[in-house]
Structure formats: structure tokens, C-alpha cells
Amino acid sequence: MKIVRTTILPFRGYSAINLLGVLFVHPGVYLSHELMNHERIHSAQQREMLFVFFYLAYLMEWLMRLPMRGNAYRNISFEREAYANQRNLDYLDNRRPYAWRYYLKRHRRHD
């Protein structure tokens, strides 16, 4: 994964953003193993959905979760999979394709 340090991306309040497999990180952010694993999980999600379908699904799910209780961003299935497994550094070795779909129904509040 290519890493680009920049003050432009990600948006305020976020440490990093993965766009098309390129990780944009603010200059002072420490890239821990957990953060890198979180972003690698997003890379796997993006690849399996051919990138464009990932971003469409991500946006649609975020819009659907906005009126719901809790933090819409943290309740997106893609984020829930990444947060739930970011500490398991072997997760990607055993991850099933489209594993994020298991996080669509099991809604847990993360705010």
C-alpha cells in the first residue's frame, strides 16, 4: 500500500483515508499495526468490489444510516468489519470474501 503524507486528506477528525489502495495520512499520525491492518482490510474490501462498487455501496449505506441512532460512519458495515478486526493482524489471511456483509445485519451502536 502506498502511503502519502498530506495536510489536505483526510478530513478533519480522521487520521487516514484509503482511496483506491493509496493511504493518505496527516504528517504527524503514527501508523500503528492496528491502523495499517484496518486500512488493509479496506483495501481488500475495495478490490473485491472492483473499487467503484465499494464506493457506491459505502456512500449508499452511509446515507441510509444517517437518520439512525448512533454514528453513521462507525455503523457502516465496511467500517464495522475493519474496526472489529483491526487488532487481529492475521485476519486478512483467513478473511472470507465479502465478509463485510455479515456486519450489515448485526447492528451495534458505536458512538
Protein backbone atom coordinates (compact mmCIF):
# COMPACT_ATOMS: atom_id res chain seq x y z
CA MET A 1 0.00 0.00 0.00
CA LYS A 2 1.41 3.36 -0.99
CA ILE A 3 1.40 5.95 1.81
CA VAL A 4 1.09 9.69 1.10
CA ARG A 5 1.57 12.19 3.94
CA THR A 6 -0.53 15.29 3.32
CA THR A 7 -2.40 18.02 5.17
CA ILE A 8 -5.25 18.03 2.63
CA LEU A 9 -6.58 14.50 3.18
CA PRO A 10 -8.10 13.02 5.26
CA PHE A 11 -10.77 15.37 6.50
CA ARG A 12 -10.58 16.91 9.96
CA GLY A 13 -11.17 14.37 12.71
CA TYR A 14 -9.75 11.41 10.79
CA SER A 15 -6.20 10.06 10.85
CA ALA A 16 -6.13 8.35 7.47
CA ILE A 17 -8.19 7.63 4.38
CA ASN A 18 -7.69 4.82 1.90
CA LEU A 19 -8.55 5.80 -1.66
CA LEU A 20 -8.00 3.19 -4.36
CA GLY A 21 -5.41 1.45 -2.21
CA VAL A 22 -3.42 4.64 -1.53
CA LEU A 23 -3.31 5.65 2.13
CA PHE A 24 -3.47 9.41 2.74
CA VAL A 25 -2.25 10.30 6.24
CA HIS A 26 -1.70 13.54 8.11
CA PRO A 27 2.02 14.24 8.70
CA GLY A 28 2.04 13.65 12.47
CA VAL A 29 -0.04 10.46 12.55
CA TYR A 30 1.64 7.31 13.88
CA LEU A 31 0.94 4.34 11.61
CA SER A 32 0.38 1.61 14.17
CA HIS A 33 -0.01 -2.04 13.20
CA GLU A 34 -3.72 -1.77 14.02
CA LEU A 35 -4.25 1.31 11.82
CA MET A 36 -2.38 -0.31 8.94
CA ASN A 37 -4.39 -3.52 9.35
CA HIS A 38 -7.64 -1.51 9.41
CA GLU A 39 -6.67 0.14 6.11
CA ARG A 40 -5.53 -3.16 4.57
CA ILE A 41 -8.97 -4.57 5.36
CA HIS A 42 -10.46 -1.64 3.44
CA SER A 43 -8.10 -2.38 0.53
CA ALA A 44 -9.37 -5.98 0.44
CA GLN A 45 -12.98 -4.73 0.50
CA GLN A 46 -12.28 -2.30 -2.33
CA ARG A 47 -10.55 -4.87 -4.53
CA GLU A 48 -13.27 -7.50 -4.13
CA MET A 49 -15.90 -4.92 -5.12
CA LEU A 50 -13.86 -3.57 -8.04
CA PHE A 51 -13.36 -0.22 -6.28
CA VAL A 52 -16.27 1.68 -7.86
CA PHE A 53 -18.92 -0.62 -6.36
CA PHE A 54 -17.24 -0.30 -2.95
CA TYR A 55 -17.54 3.48 -3.02
CA LEU A 56 -21.14 3.36 -4.25
CA ALA A 57 -22.13 0.87 -1.55
CA TYR A 58 -20.21 2.80 1.11
CA LEU A 59 -21.97 6.06 0.21
CA MET A 60 -25.41 4.44 0.00
CA GLU A 61 -25.00 2.71 3.35
CA TRP A 62 -23.76 5.90 4.99
CA LEU A 63 -26.78 7.83 3.65
CA MET A 64 -29.15 5.11 4.92
CA ARG A 65 -27.55 5.16 8.37
CA LEU A 66 -27.58 8.95 8.80
CA PRO A 67 -31.12 9.11 10.23
CA MET A 68 -30.49 6.09 12.50
CA ARG A 69 -29.24 6.22 16.08
CA GLY A 70 -25.51 6.27 16.60
CA ASN A 71 -22.62 7.34 14.43
CA ALA A 72 -23.42 6.68 10.75
CA TYR A 73 -19.75 6.33 9.80
CA ARG A 74 -18.94 3.83 12.56
CA ASN A 75 -22.06 1.78 11.75
CA ILE A 76 -21.22 1.25 8.07
CA SER A 77 -20.63 -2.48 7.56
CA PHE A 78 -17.23 -1.89 5.93
CA GLU A 79 -16.08 0.14 8.93
CA ARG A 80 -17.55 -2.31 11.40
CA GLU A 81 -15.60 -5.17 9.83
CA ALA A 82 -12.38 -3.14 9.83
CA TYR A 83 -12.76 -1.89 13.42
CA ALA A 84 -13.78 -5.32 14.72
CA ASN A 85 -10.71 -6.97 13.23
CA GLN A 86 -8.01 -4.30 13.18
CA ARG A 87 -6.22 -5.83 16.19
CA ASN A 88 -6.20 -9.31 14.63
CA LEU A 89 -3.11 -8.99 12.47
CA ASP A 90 -3.79 -12.44 10.92
CA TYR A 91 -7.34 -11.54 9.93
CA LEU A 92 -6.65 -11.00 6.24
CA ASP A 93 -5.01 -14.43 5.98
CA ASN A 94 -8.32 -16.07 6.96
CA ARG A 95 -10.88 -13.49 5.83
CA ARG A 96 -13.71 -14.78 3.68
CA PRO A 97 -14.62 -12.83 0.55
CA TYR A 98 -17.32 -10.23 1.16
CA ALA A 99 -17.02 -10.71 4.94
CA TRP A 100 -18.37 -7.17 5.44
CA ARG A 101 -21.85 -8.46 4.56
CA TYR A 102 -22.01 -10.22 7.95
CA TYR A 103 -21.84 -6.79 9.55
CA LEU A 104 -24.89 -5.44 7.70
CA LYS A 105 -27.48 -7.06 9.97
CA ARG A 106 -25.76 -7.24 13.34
CA HIS A 107 -26.15 -3.59 14.21
CA ARG A 108 -24.23 -2.45 17.26
CA ARG A 109 -24.12 1.12 18.38
CA HIS A 110 -20.65 2.72 18.18
CA ASP A 111 -20.80 6.31 19.37
